Every structure is written in structure tokens, then in C-alpha cells.
Amino acid sequence: MERIGIIGSGRAGSALGAALASAGHPVVGVTARSRASQDRAARLLPHVPVLAADDVTTRADVVLIAVPDDVIREVAEQLPLTSEQYVVHLSGAHGLTPLQGLRAIPVALHPPMTFTGDAVSLEGIVFTATAADETRAIVEGLVKSLGAQVQWVAEEHRALYHAGVVHGANYLTTLLTQAFAVLREAGIQDPAATLRPLVTATLDNTLRSGHHALTGPIARGDVDTVAAHLAVLRDRTASTYAELARATVELAAAGGRLDPATAGRFAEVLGGHLGEERYRTGEAPR
């Protein structure tokens, strides 16, 4: 198996290193500058020596750069890489551009999950990779040894891929945080407990069935209910609700769940909360 060197023992690097070590890959060294990183490396990679970046690099066949996105290039340029090595970063937003021109073979490998600083199982995770065709075998070998899968994204689609991941995952936290505030204003003491069964079921159903999982007042054509919601919501939450309602009306109409007349009534209700001309005029969404 390839010797793995890890540059950066943050949450992602240390967890992935621990998973690779558990899968039998020799992890030959890790860098750890801060006390938190040193503690994390000691906990998750107890048998891996903490070394200087140059020493980690010279011992490894695969150099895993697990640092913040904006310093990937800066860190990689300082490493004594050779043409026989693979250099891998974990950024979802970037493809091969930060690694272009280096002597090592570049790979962009993103695990779309949240790392907490503890050991994690990567079984069933679908990594997203960008690499040259001749590099695919080693990437697939590394990923599959973890019990994970790999999908390939072209360099020019990397930002689009990451936008989809962020839109579907990160902004879910924003949406739920706003919902918690609304529920607390209504006197609900534990908003998370109230929403958990509904959100969990919705998430599972949507991941399985896509737009067919849509329920709620818009799917039912309850225009008056949506108008009542907009009447009591305020500030940022009201605008978020209205924008998501607009997108949901379009989704329901495209799927045949709403007739044109009902879609038009929704457009009229939303018109006062959205600045787009087609909603101000009451034109039904297309």
C-alpha cells in the first residue's frame, strides 16, 4: 500500500488519516503546529510521528494536504515534492488549479461530510474527485479501501459541484436556525424536539424521492395559509420564507401539483415580498 503523509492535523486531515491507517495504509508522518492539532494527532494518530512538513513529504508516496482552501497553494509550493509522488488536497471548492505546476501528480479529493474532531467511519461516503485519467486507479484504490465510493467531477464543474453541496447542506443550518427563532417567538420551548421528526422524515423522503417528497401548504394549494404566514413573519425570516415559497411554487407547478390559476394566486401573495417583476405583476411562474 502507498505510504501516506499528512500535512495538517485539523479535523478533516486527522480523521481521514486515522481512517486510512485503520484500513492498513502506512501513515508515515503528520504535521501539527497548534496545541489543538497536536492533541488531535495524539488522540487520532497515536502511532504516527509528528514531523516537519519536509520530513513528512520525503517519507510519503501520497502527500495529503489538509489545510484551509486559501493556503493550499502556498503550503504545497513549499513542499519538496517529486514527480513520483501524488499530492492531494481535500477542498470541495477547488479542482486541480491550486496544485498546477508542482512536480507531484495532482488530485482533488473531497469527502462531503462534516468532521467533528473525532474518529469517523467513512463507509458509504461518496468522495468527489478530480484528477487525470491515469491517476484514477490509485484514487479509487484509496477510497474503496475505506469502504467508500468515488465519483468524478470535471475541473470546470468543480465550483458548480461545491455550490450544490453548500446549498443543500450548509444553508439547511441557516434555515433551521431561523425556524427555531420563529417557534421560540410562538412560545415553543424546545424547537428542535418539535421539528426533529418532521425534518428527519422530510430529509429521508427527499433523499429517496426528490421533489415527489414535497408536502405542506404550497403542495396542497393553500394560498391563504401562506398569506397568513407572511403576515406574521418579520425581517430576514420573512424574505427567506418568501423566496423559498417562490421556488417551491415553481417546483410544484413544474411537477403538475399546482394548476396555473393556483400558481398565479401564490404569485400575487408573494408579490409584496419579492422584488422580481413577474411576481409584482402576478404572472404565474413558469
C-alpha atoms as a PDB file:
ATOM      1  CA  MET A   1       0.000   0.000   0.000  1.00  0.00           C
ATOM      2  CA  GLU A   2       1.063   3.596  -0.587  1.00  0.00           C
ATOM      3  CA  ARG A   3       2.742   5.467   2.228  1.00  0.00           C
ATOM      4  CA  ILE A   4       0.576   8.395   3.351  1.00  0.00           C
ATOM      5  CA  GLY A   5       1.899  11.695   4.676  1.00  0.00           C
ATOM      6  CA  ILE A   6      -0.487  14.265   6.136  1.00  0.00           C
ATOM      7  CA  ILE A   7       0.176  17.986   6.057  1.00  0.00           C
ATOM      8  CA  GLY A   8      -2.173  19.484   8.643  1.00  0.00           C
ATOM      9  CA  SER A   9      -3.865  17.666  11.504  1.00  0.00           C
ATOM     10  CA  GLY A  10      -7.097  19.608  11.526  1.00  0.00           C
ATOM     11  CA  ARG A  11     -10.414  17.840  11.854  1.00  0.00           C
ATOM     12  CA  ALA A  12     -10.511  16.534   8.288  1.00  0.00           C
ATOM     13  CA  GLY A  13      -6.858  15.581   7.943  1.00  0.00           C
ATOM     14  CA  SER A  14      -6.600  13.753  11.239  1.00  0.00           C
ATOM     15  CA  ALA A  15      -9.890  11.886  10.753  1.00  0.00           C
ATOM     16  CA  LEU A  16      -9.022  10.844   7.210  1.00  0.00           C
ATOM     17  CA  GLY A  17      -5.533   9.845   8.320  1.00  0.00           C
ATOM     18  CA  ALA A  18      -6.976   7.711  11.105  1.00  0.00           C
ATOM     19  CA  ALA A  19      -9.359   6.051   8.637  1.00  0.00           C
ATOM     20  CA  LEU A  20      -6.527   5.328   6.195  1.00  0.00           C
ATOM     21  CA  ALA A  21      -4.389   3.901   8.994  1.00  0.00           C
ATOM     22  CA  SER A  22      -7.260   1.677  10.121  1.00  0.00           C
ATOM     23  CA  ALA A  23      -7.611   0.455   6.542  1.00  0.00           C
ATOM     24  CA  GLY A  24      -3.982  -0.701   6.599  1.00  0.00           C
ATOM     25  CA  HIS A  25      -2.256   2.192   4.857  1.00  0.00           C
ATOM     26  CA  PRO A  26       1.073   3.165   6.445  1.00  0.00           C
ATOM     27  CA  VAL A  27       0.715   6.761   7.636  1.00  0.00           C
ATOM     28  CA  VAL A  28       4.342   7.855   7.875  1.00  0.00           C
ATOM     29  CA  GLY A  29       4.004  11.305   9.389  1.00  0.00           C
ATOM     30  CA  VAL A  30       1.775  14.246  10.183  1.00  0.00           C
ATOM     31  CA  THR A  31       2.358  17.935  10.831  1.00  0.00           C
ATOM     32  CA  ALA A  32       0.797  19.595  13.863  1.00  0.00           C
ATOM     33  CA  ARG A  33       1.583  23.205  14.707  1.00  0.00           C
ATOM     34  CA  SER A  34      -1.013  24.317  17.255  1.00  0.00           C
ATOM     35  CA  ARG A  35      -1.657  22.707  20.620  1.00  0.00           C
ATOM     36  CA  ALA A  36      -5.132  21.683  19.441  1.00  0.00           C
ATOM     37  CA  SER A  37      -3.639  19.999  16.366  1.00  0.00           C
ATOM     38  CA  GLN A  38      -1.016  18.243  18.462  1.00  0.00           C
ATOM     39  CA  ASP A  39      -3.658  16.953  20.860  1.00  0.00           C
ATOM     40  CA  ARG A  40      -5.836  15.794  17.946  1.00  0.00           C
ATOM     41  CA  ALA A  41      -2.915  13.999  16.299  1.00  0.00           C
ATOM     42  CA  ALA A  42      -2.016  12.301  19.586  1.00  0.00           C
ATOM     43  CA  ARG A  43      -5.605  11.114  20.009  1.00  0.00           C
ATOM     44  CA  LEU A  44      -6.442  10.003  16.464  1.00  0.00           C
ATOM     45  CA  LEU A  45      -2.974   9.112  15.150  1.00  0.00           C
ATOM     46  CA  PRO A  46      -1.167   7.903  18.272  1.00  0.00           C
ATOM     47  CA  HIS A  47       1.392   5.788  16.396  1.00  0.00           C
ATOM     48  CA  VAL A  48       2.165   8.385  13.720  1.00  0.00           C
ATOM     49  CA  PRO A  49       5.170  10.647  14.288  1.00  0.00           C
ATOM     50  CA  VAL A  50       4.634  14.406  14.305  1.00  0.00           C
ATOM     51  CA  LEU A  51       7.238  15.798  11.932  1.00  0.00           C
ATOM     52  CA  ALA A  52       8.215  18.880   9.983  1.00  0.00           C
ATOM     53  CA  ALA A  53       6.446  19.235   6.644  1.00  0.00           C
ATOM     54  CA  ASP A  54       9.600  18.436   4.645  1.00  0.00           C
ATOM     55  CA  ASP A  55      10.143  15.210   6.589  1.00  0.00           C
ATOM     56  CA  VAL A  56       6.520  14.135   6.127  1.00  0.00           C
ATOM     57  CA  THR A  57       6.791  14.766   2.391  1.00  0.00           C
ATOM     58  CA  THR A  58      10.031  12.879   1.802  1.00  0.00           C
ATOM     59  CA  ARG A  59       8.672   9.765   3.555  1.00  0.00           C
ATOM     60  CA  ALA A  60       5.380   9.593   1.616  1.00  0.00           C
ATOM     61  CA  ASP A  61       4.092   8.313  -1.696  1.00  0.00           C
ATOM     62  CA  VAL A  62       0.849  10.248  -1.265  1.00  0.00           C
ATOM     63  CA  VAL A  63       1.023  13.684   0.364  1.00  0.00           C
ATOM     64  CA  LEU A  64      -2.351  14.719   1.726  1.00  0.00           C
ATOM     65  CA  ILE A  65      -2.651  18.494   2.154  1.00  0.00           C
ATOM     66  CA  ALA A  66      -5.397  19.106   4.718  1.00  0.00           C
ATOM     67  CA  VAL A  67      -5.234  22.871   5.192  1.00  0.00           C
ATOM     68  CA  PRO A  68      -7.713  25.746   4.620  1.00  0.00           C
ATOM     69  CA  ASP A  69      -8.603  26.389   0.985  1.00  0.00           C
ATOM     70  CA  ASP A  70      -6.882  29.745   0.695  1.00  0.00           C
ATOM     71  CA  VAL A  71      -3.438  28.416   1.688  1.00  0.00           C
ATOM     72  CA  ILE A  72      -3.385  25.141  -0.279  1.00  0.00           C
ATOM     73  CA  ARG A  73      -1.164  26.599  -2.987  1.00  0.00           C
ATOM     74  CA  GLU A  74       1.122  28.383  -0.531  1.00  0.00           C
ATOM     75  CA  VAL A  75       1.656  25.231   1.532  1.00  0.00           C
ATOM     76  CA  ALA A  76       2.074  22.927  -1.474  1.00  0.00           C
ATOM     77  CA  GLU A  77       4.711  25.139  -3.100  1.00  0.00           C
ATOM     78  CA  GLN A  78       6.931  24.833  -0.026  1.00  0.00           C
ATOM     79  CA  LEU A  79       6.989  21.018  -0.023  1.00  0.00           C
ATOM     80  CA  PRO A  80       9.886  19.036  -1.569  1.00  0.00           C
ATOM     81  CA  LEU A  81       7.600  17.079  -3.867  1.00  0.00           C
ATOM     82  CA  THR A  82       8.845  14.779  -6.623  1.00  0.00           C
ATOM     83  CA  SER A  83       7.357  13.551  -9.874  1.00  0.00           C
ATOM     84  CA  GLU A  84       6.906  10.095  -8.338  1.00  0.00           C
ATOM     85  CA  GLN A  85       4.513  11.362  -5.676  1.00  0.00           C
ATOM     86  CA  TYR A  86       0.816  12.210  -5.570  1.00  0.00           C
ATOM     87  CA  VAL A  87      -0.249  15.452  -3.933  1.00  0.00           C
ATOM     88  CA  VAL A  88      -3.882  15.508  -2.781  1.00  0.00           C
ATOM     89  CA  HIS A  89      -5.994  18.308  -1.349  1.00  0.00           C
ATOM     90  CA  LEU A  90      -9.400  17.931   0.317  1.00  0.00           C
ATOM     91  CA  SER A  91     -11.130  21.120  -0.821  1.00  0.00           C
ATOM     92  CA  GLY A  92     -14.583  20.818  -2.315  1.00  0.00           C
ATOM     93  CA  ALA A  93     -14.441  24.219  -3.969  1.00  0.00           C
ATOM     94  CA  HIS A  94     -11.182  23.725  -5.860  1.00  0.00           C
ATOM     95  CA  GLY A  95     -10.132  21.336  -8.540  1.00  0.00           C
ATOM     96  CA  LEU A  96      -6.545  20.907  -9.674  1.00  0.00           C
ATOM     97  CA  THR A  97      -5.732  24.610 -10.113  1.00  0.00           C
ATOM     98  CA  PRO A  98      -4.069  25.106  -6.688  1.00  0.00           C
ATOM     99  CA  LEU A  99      -1.727  22.199  -7.456  1.00  0.00           C
ATOM    100  CA  GLN A 100      -0.889  23.011 -11.078  1.00  0.00           C
ATOM    101  CA  GLY A 101       2.787  23.325 -11.913  1.00  0.00           C
ATOM    102  CA  LEU A 102       4.011  21.276  -8.958  1.00  0.00           C
ATOM    103  CA  ARG A 103       6.269  18.317  -9.592  1.00  0.00           C
ATOM    104  CA  ALA A 104       3.903  15.791  -7.995  1.00  0.00           C
ATOM    105  CA  ILE A 105       0.781  14.340  -9.622  1.00  0.00           C
ATOM    106  CA  PRO A 106      -2.214  16.470  -8.521  1.00  0.00           C
ATOM    107  CA  VAL A 107      -5.505  15.132  -7.147  1.00  0.00           C
ATOM    108  CA  ALA A 108      -8.532  16.972  -5.735  1.00  0.00           C
ATOM    109  CA  LEU A 109     -10.438  14.653  -3.385  1.00  0.00           C
ATOM    110  CA  HIS A 110     -13.403  15.932  -1.389  1.00  0.00           C
ATOM    111  CA  PRO A 111     -15.242  13.950   1.292  1.00  0.00           C
ATOM    112  CA  PRO A 112     -18.693  15.627   1.506  1.00  0.00           C
ATOM    113  CA  MET A 113     -19.293  15.257   5.215  1.00  0.00           C
ATOM    114  CA  THR A 114     -18.794  17.125   8.472  1.00  0.00           C
ATOM    115  CA  PHE A 115     -15.768  16.313  10.619  1.00  0.00           C
ATOM    116  CA  THR A 116     -16.084  16.944  14.349  1.00  0.00           C
ATOM    117  CA  GLY A 117     -12.528  16.279  15.508  1.00  0.00           C
ATOM    118  CA  ASP A 118     -13.227  12.659  16.443  1.00  0.00           C
ATOM    119  CA  ALA A 119     -12.630   9.433  14.557  1.00  0.00           C
ATOM    120  CA  VAL A 120     -15.321   8.756  11.947  1.00  0.00           C
ATOM    121  CA  SER A 121     -16.380   5.926   9.718  1.00  0.00           C
ATOM    122  CA  LEU A 122     -16.164   6.792   6.039  1.00  0.00           C
ATOM    123  CA  GLU A 123     -18.047   3.702   4.920  1.00  0.00           C
ATOM    124  CA  GLY A 124     -20.691   4.628   2.376  1.00  0.00           C
ATOM    125  CA  ILE A 125     -19.385   8.179   1.875  1.00  0.00           C
ATOM    126  CA  VAL A 126     -19.196   9.228  -1.793  1.00  0.00           C
ATOM    127  CA  PHE A 127     -15.954  11.148  -2.309  1.00  0.00           C
ATOM    128  CA  THR A 128     -15.757  13.554  -5.237  1.00  0.00           C
ATOM    129  CA  ALA A 129     -12.516  13.502  -7.180  1.00  0.00           C
ATOM    130  CA  THR A 130     -10.880  15.484  -9.952  1.00  0.00           C
ATOM    131  CA  ALA A 131      -7.718  14.016 -11.438  1.00  0.00           C
ATOM    132  CA  ALA A 132      -6.101  12.927 -14.676  1.00  0.00           C
ATOM    133  CA  ASP A 133      -7.369   9.670 -16.149  1.00  0.00           C
ATOM    134  CA  GLU A 134      -4.114   7.844 -15.422  1.00  0.00           C
ATOM    135  CA  THR A 135      -4.484   8.726 -11.718  1.00  0.00           C
ATOM    136  CA  ARG A 136      -7.914   7.217 -11.239  1.00  0.00           C
ATOM    137  CA  ALA A 137      -6.765   3.740 -10.269  1.00  0.00           C
ATOM    138  CA  ILE A 138      -4.825   4.888  -7.213  1.00  0.00           C
ATOM    139  CA  VAL A 139      -7.579   7.280  -6.145  1.00  0.00           C
ATOM    140  CA  GLU A 140     -10.214   4.577  -6.424  1.00  0.00           C
ATOM    141  CA  GLY A 141      -7.980   2.193  -4.500  1.00  0.00           C
ATOM    142  CA  LEU A 142      -7.547   4.617  -1.612  1.00  0.00           C
ATOM    143  CA  VAL A 143     -11.222   5.486  -1.418  1.00  0.00           C
ATOM    144  CA  LYS A 144     -12.534   1.945  -1.736  1.00  0.00           C
ATOM    145  CA  SER A 145     -10.149   0.733   0.965  1.00  0.00           C
ATOM    146  CA  LEU A 146     -12.141   2.973   3.322  1.00  0.00           C
ATOM    147  CA  GLY A 147     -15.418   1.310   2.360  1.00  0.00           C
ATOM    148  CA  ALA A 148     -16.330   4.488   0.492  1.00  0.00           C
ATOM    149  CA  GLN A 149     -17.161   5.283  -3.120  1.00  0.00           C
ATOM    150  CA  VAL A 150     -15.820   7.844  -5.560  1.00  0.00           C
ATOM    151  CA  GLN A 151     -17.466   9.965  -8.245  1.00  0.00           C
ATOM    152  CA  TRP A 152     -15.619  12.106 -10.760  1.00  0.00           C
ATOM    153  CA  VAL A 153     -16.215  15.781 -11.482  1.00  0.00           C
ATOM    154  CA  ALA A 154     -14.564  17.707 -14.301  1.00  0.00           C
ATOM    155  CA  GLU A 155     -12.319  20.630 -13.419  1.00  0.00           C
ATOM    156  CA  GLU A 156     -14.703  23.154 -14.990  1.00  0.00           C
ATOM    157  CA  HIS A 157     -17.629  21.841 -12.923  1.00  0.00           C
ATOM    158  CA  ARG A 158     -15.881  21.880  -9.554  1.00  0.00           C
ATOM    159  CA  ALA A 159     -17.362  25.195  -8.367  1.00  0.00           C
ATOM    160  CA  LEU A 160     -20.820  24.104  -9.510  1.00  0.00           C
ATOM    161  CA  TYR A 161     -20.459  20.839  -7.586  1.00  0.00           C
ATOM    162  CA  HIS A 162     -19.425  22.646  -4.418  1.00  0.00           C
ATOM    163  CA  ALA A 163     -22.246  25.173  -4.767  1.00  0.00           C
ATOM    164  CA  GLY A 164     -24.718  22.293  -4.791  1.00  0.00           C
ATOM    165  CA  VAL A 165     -23.189  20.744  -1.686  1.00  0.00           C
ATOM    166  CA  VAL A 166     -23.203  24.044   0.199  1.00  0.00           C
ATOM    167  CA  HIS A 167     -26.722  24.930  -0.930  1.00  0.00           C
ATOM    168  CA  GLY A 168     -28.094  21.592   0.215  1.00  0.00           C
ATOM    169  CA  ALA A 169     -26.153  21.202   3.464  1.00  0.00           C
ATOM    170  CA  ASN A 170     -24.764  24.441   4.919  1.00  0.00           C
ATOM    171  CA  TYR A 171     -27.854  26.509   4.242  1.00  0.00           C
ATOM    172  CA  LEU A 172     -30.003  23.894   5.922  1.00  0.00           C
ATOM    173  CA  THR A 173     -28.468  25.089   9.192  1.00  0.00           C
ATOM    174  CA  THR A 174     -29.430  28.676   8.354  1.00  0.00           C
ATOM    175  CA  LEU A 175     -32.984  27.629   7.525  1.00  0.00           C
ATOM    176  CA  LEU A 176     -33.436  25.617  10.718  1.00  0.00           C
ATOM    177  CA  THR A 177     -31.915  28.357  12.878  1.00  0.00           C
ATOM    178  CA  GLN A 178     -34.487  30.801  11.502  1.00  0.00           C
ATOM    179  CA  ALA A 179     -37.255  28.266  12.096  1.00  0.00           C
ATOM    180  CA  PHE A 180     -36.098  27.803  15.706  1.00  0.00           C
ATOM    181  CA  ALA A 181     -36.381  31.554  16.284  1.00  0.00           C
ATOM    182  CA  VAL A 182     -39.928  31.650  14.867  1.00  0.00           C
ATOM    183  CA  LEU A 183     -41.018  28.747  17.050  1.00  0.00           C
ATOM    184  CA  ARG A 184     -39.495  30.300  20.176  1.00  0.00           C
ATOM    185  CA  GLU A 185     -41.387  33.509  19.408  1.00  0.00           C
ATOM    186  CA  ALA A 186     -44.546  31.389  19.317  1.00  0.00           C
ATOM    187  CA  GLY A 187     -43.771  30.083  22.803  1.00  0.00           C
ATOM    188  CA  ILE A 188     -42.229  26.732  21.870  1.00  0.00           C
ATOM    189  CA  GLN A 189     -39.509  25.965  24.406  1.00  0.00           C
ATOM    190  CA  ASP A 190     -37.784  23.169  22.504  1.00  0.00           C
ATOM    191  CA  PRO A 191     -37.955  23.917  18.772  1.00  0.00           C
ATOM    192  CA  ALA A 192     -35.505  21.154  17.910  1.00  0.00           C
ATOM    193  CA  ALA A 193     -37.672  18.494  19.520  1.00  0.00           C
ATOM    194  CA  THR A 194     -40.703  19.867  17.684  1.00  0.00           C
ATOM    195  CA  LEU A 195     -39.032  19.829  14.281  1.00  0.00           C
ATOM    196  CA  ARG A 196     -36.879  16.724  14.580  1.00  0.00           C
ATOM    197  CA  PRO A 197     -39.456  14.093  13.485  1.00  0.00           C
ATOM    198  CA  LEU A 198     -40.710  16.246  10.620  1.00  0.00           C
ATOM    199  CA  VAL A 199     -37.271  17.310   9.402  1.00  0.00           C
ATOM    200  CA  THR A 200     -35.866  13.793   9.675  1.00  0.00           C
ATOM    201  CA  ALA A 201     -38.753  12.285   7.719  1.00  0.00           C
ATOM    202  CA  THR A 202     -38.599  15.054   5.108  1.00  0.00           C
ATOM    203  CA  LEU A 203     -34.868  14.634   4.645  1.00  0.00           C
ATOM    204  CA  ASP A 204     -35.119  10.864   4.263  1.00  0.00           C
ATOM    205  CA  ASN A 205     -38.057  11.117   1.867  1.00  0.00           C
ATOM    206  CA  THR A 206     -36.410  13.799  -0.254  1.00  0.00           C
ATOM    207  CA  LEU A 207     -33.113  11.942  -0.497  1.00  0.00           C
ATOM    208  CA  ARG A 208     -35.076   8.925  -1.658  1.00  0.00           C
ATOM    209  CA  SER A 209     -37.748  10.525  -3.847  1.00  0.00           C
ATOM    210  CA  GLY A 210     -36.586  14.030  -4.762  1.00  0.00           C
ATOM    211  CA  HIS A 211     -39.320  16.586  -5.461  1.00  0.00           C
ATOM    212  CA  HIS A 212     -42.011  13.916  -5.079  1.00  0.00           C
ATOM    213  CA  ALA A 213     -41.479  14.181  -1.296  1.00  0.00           C
ATOM    214  CA  LEU A 214     -42.852  17.731  -1.246  1.00  0.00           C
ATOM    215  CA  THR A 215     -45.684  18.277   1.243  1.00  0.00           C
ATOM    216  CA  GLY A 216     -47.112  21.320   3.015  1.00  0.00           C
ATOM    217  CA  PRO A 217     -49.373  24.231   2.143  1.00  0.00           C
ATOM    218  CA  ILE A 218     -47.935  25.011  -1.288  1.00  0.00           C
ATOM    219  CA  ALA A 219     -48.161  21.410  -2.448  1.00  0.00           C
ATOM    220  CA  ARG A 220     -51.781  21.433  -1.236  1.00  0.00           C
ATOM    221  CA  GLY A 221     -52.549  24.765  -2.896  1.00  0.00           C
ATOM    222  CA  ASP A 222     -53.307  26.504   0.433  1.00  0.00           C
ATOM    223  CA  VAL A 223     -52.741  30.089  -0.680  1.00  0.00           C
ATOM    224  CA  ASP A 224     -54.437  31.618   2.368  1.00  0.00           C
ATOM    225  CA  THR A 225     -52.151  29.678   4.721  1.00  0.00           C
ATOM    226  CA  VAL A 226     -49.040  31.052   3.036  1.00  0.00           C
ATOM    227  CA  ALA A 227     -50.520  34.572   3.164  1.00  0.00           C
ATOM    228  CA  ALA A 228     -51.128  34.149   6.906  1.00  0.00           C
ATOM    229  CA  HIS A 229     -47.529  33.066   7.422  1.00  0.00           C
ATOM    230  CA  LEU A 230     -46.178  36.090   5.580  1.00  0.00           C
ATOM    231  CA  ALA A 231     -48.389  38.365   7.657  1.00  0.00           C
ATOM    232  CA  VAL A 232     -46.714  37.301  10.920  1.00  0.00           C
ATOM    233  CA  LEU A 233     -43.122  36.712   9.832  1.00  0.00           C
ATOM    234  CA  ARG A 234     -40.680  39.575  10.019  1.00  0.00           C
ATOM    235  CA  ASP A 235     -37.403  40.852   8.659  1.00  0.00           C
ATOM    236  CA  ARG A 236     -34.915  38.343   7.256  1.00  0.00           C
ATOM    237  CA  THR A 237     -37.048  35.300   8.005  1.00  0.00           C
ATOM    238  CA  ALA A 238     -39.958  36.745   6.009  1.00  0.00           C
ATOM    239  CA  SER A 239     -37.773  37.314   2.957  1.00  0.00           C
ATOM    240  CA  THR A 240     -36.230  33.858   3.243  1.00  0.00           C
ATOM    241  CA  TYR A 241     -39.678  32.284   3.562  1.00  0.00           C
ATOM    242  CA  ALA A 242     -40.983  34.207   0.553  1.00  0.00           C
ATOM    243  CA  GLU A 243     -38.016  33.310  -1.651  1.00  0.00           C
ATOM    244  CA  LEU A 244     -38.252  29.638  -0.726  1.00  0.00           C
ATOM    245  CA  ALA A 245     -42.022  29.755  -1.248  1.00  0.00           C
ATOM    246  CA  ARG A 246     -41.462  31.158  -4.734  1.00  0.00           C
ATOM    247  CA  ALA A 247     -39.055  28.318  -5.574  1.00  0.00           C
ATOM    248  CA  THR A 248     -41.474  25.788  -4.094  1.00  0.00           C
ATOM    249  CA  VAL A 249     -44.375  27.132  -6.163  1.00  0.00           C
ATOM    250  CA  GLU A 250     -42.248  26.716  -9.290  1.00  0.00           C
ATOM    251  CA  LEU A 251     -41.273  23.209  -8.239  1.00  0.00           C
ATOM    252  CA  ALA A 252     -44.866  22.197  -7.524  1.00  0.00           C
ATOM    253  CA  ALA A 253     -46.163  23.759 -10.732  1.00  0.00           C
ATOM    254  CA  ALA A 254     -43.484  22.079 -12.852  1.00  0.00           C
ATOM    255  CA  GLY A 255     -44.378  18.749 -11.283  1.00  0.00           C
ATOM    256  CA  GLY A 256     -48.066  19.166 -12.026  1.00  0.00           C
ATOM    257  CA  ARG A 257     -49.021  19.606  -8.382  1.00  0.00           C
ATOM    258  CA  LEU A 258     -50.446  23.106  -8.937  1.00  0.00           C
ATOM    259  CA  ASP A 259     -52.752  24.300 -11.698  1.00  0.00           C
ATOM    260  CA  PRO A 260     -51.917  27.631 -13.395  1.00  0.00           C
ATOM    261  CA  ALA A 261     -54.666  29.514 -11.568  1.00  0.00           C
ATOM    262  CA  THR A 262     -53.453  28.464  -8.120  1.00  0.00           C
ATOM    263  CA  ALA A 263     -49.843  29.187  -9.080  1.00  0.00           C
ATOM    264  CA  GLY A 264     -50.966  32.658 -10.138  1.00  0.00           C
ATOM    265  CA  ARG A 265     -52.688  33.245  -6.779  1.00  0.00           C
ATOM    266  CA  PHE A 266     -49.490  32.295  -4.992  1.00  0.00           C
ATOM    267  CA  ALA A 267     -47.599  34.744  -7.201  1.00  0.00           C
ATOM    268  CA  GLU A 268     -49.961  37.543  -6.156  1.00  0.00           C
ATOM    269  CA  VAL A 269     -49.485  36.748  -2.458  1.00  0.00           C
ATOM    270  CA  LEU A 270     -45.714  36.614  -2.820  1.00  0.00           C
ATOM    271  CA  GLY A 271     -45.547  39.763  -4.943  1.00  0.00           C
ATOM    272  CA  GLY A 272     -45.348  42.083  -1.948  1.00  0.00           C
ATOM    273  CA  HIS A 273     -42.397  40.217  -0.510  1.00  0.00           C
ATOM    274  CA  LEU A 274     -40.276  39.679  -3.611  1.00  0.00           C
ATOM    275  CA  GLY A 275     -38.802  42.284  -5.894  1.00  0.00           C
ATOM    276  CA  GLU A 276     -38.989  40.402  -9.161  1.00  0.00           C
ATOM    277  CA  GLU A 277     -41.188  41.964 -11.831  1.00  0.00           C
ATOM    278  CA  ARG A 278     -43.040  38.778 -12.687  1.00  0.00           C
ATOM    279  CA  TYR A 279     -44.230  38.481  -9.091  1.00  0.00           C
ATOM    280  CA  ARG A 280     -45.206  42.158  -8.849  1.00  0.00           C
ATOM    281  CA  THR A 281     -47.402  41.708 -11.883  1.00  0.00           C
ATOM    282  CA  GLY A 282     -48.884  38.458 -10.640  1.00  0.00           C
ATOM    283  CA  GLU A 283     -47.623  36.480 -13.596  1.00  0.00           C
ATOM    284  CA  ALA A 284     -47.740  32.782 -12.850  1.00  0.00           C
ATOM    285  CA  PRO A 285     -44.347  31.102 -12.526  1.00  0.00           C
ATOM    286  CA  ARG A 286     -43.090  29.058 -15.426  1.00  0.00           C
END
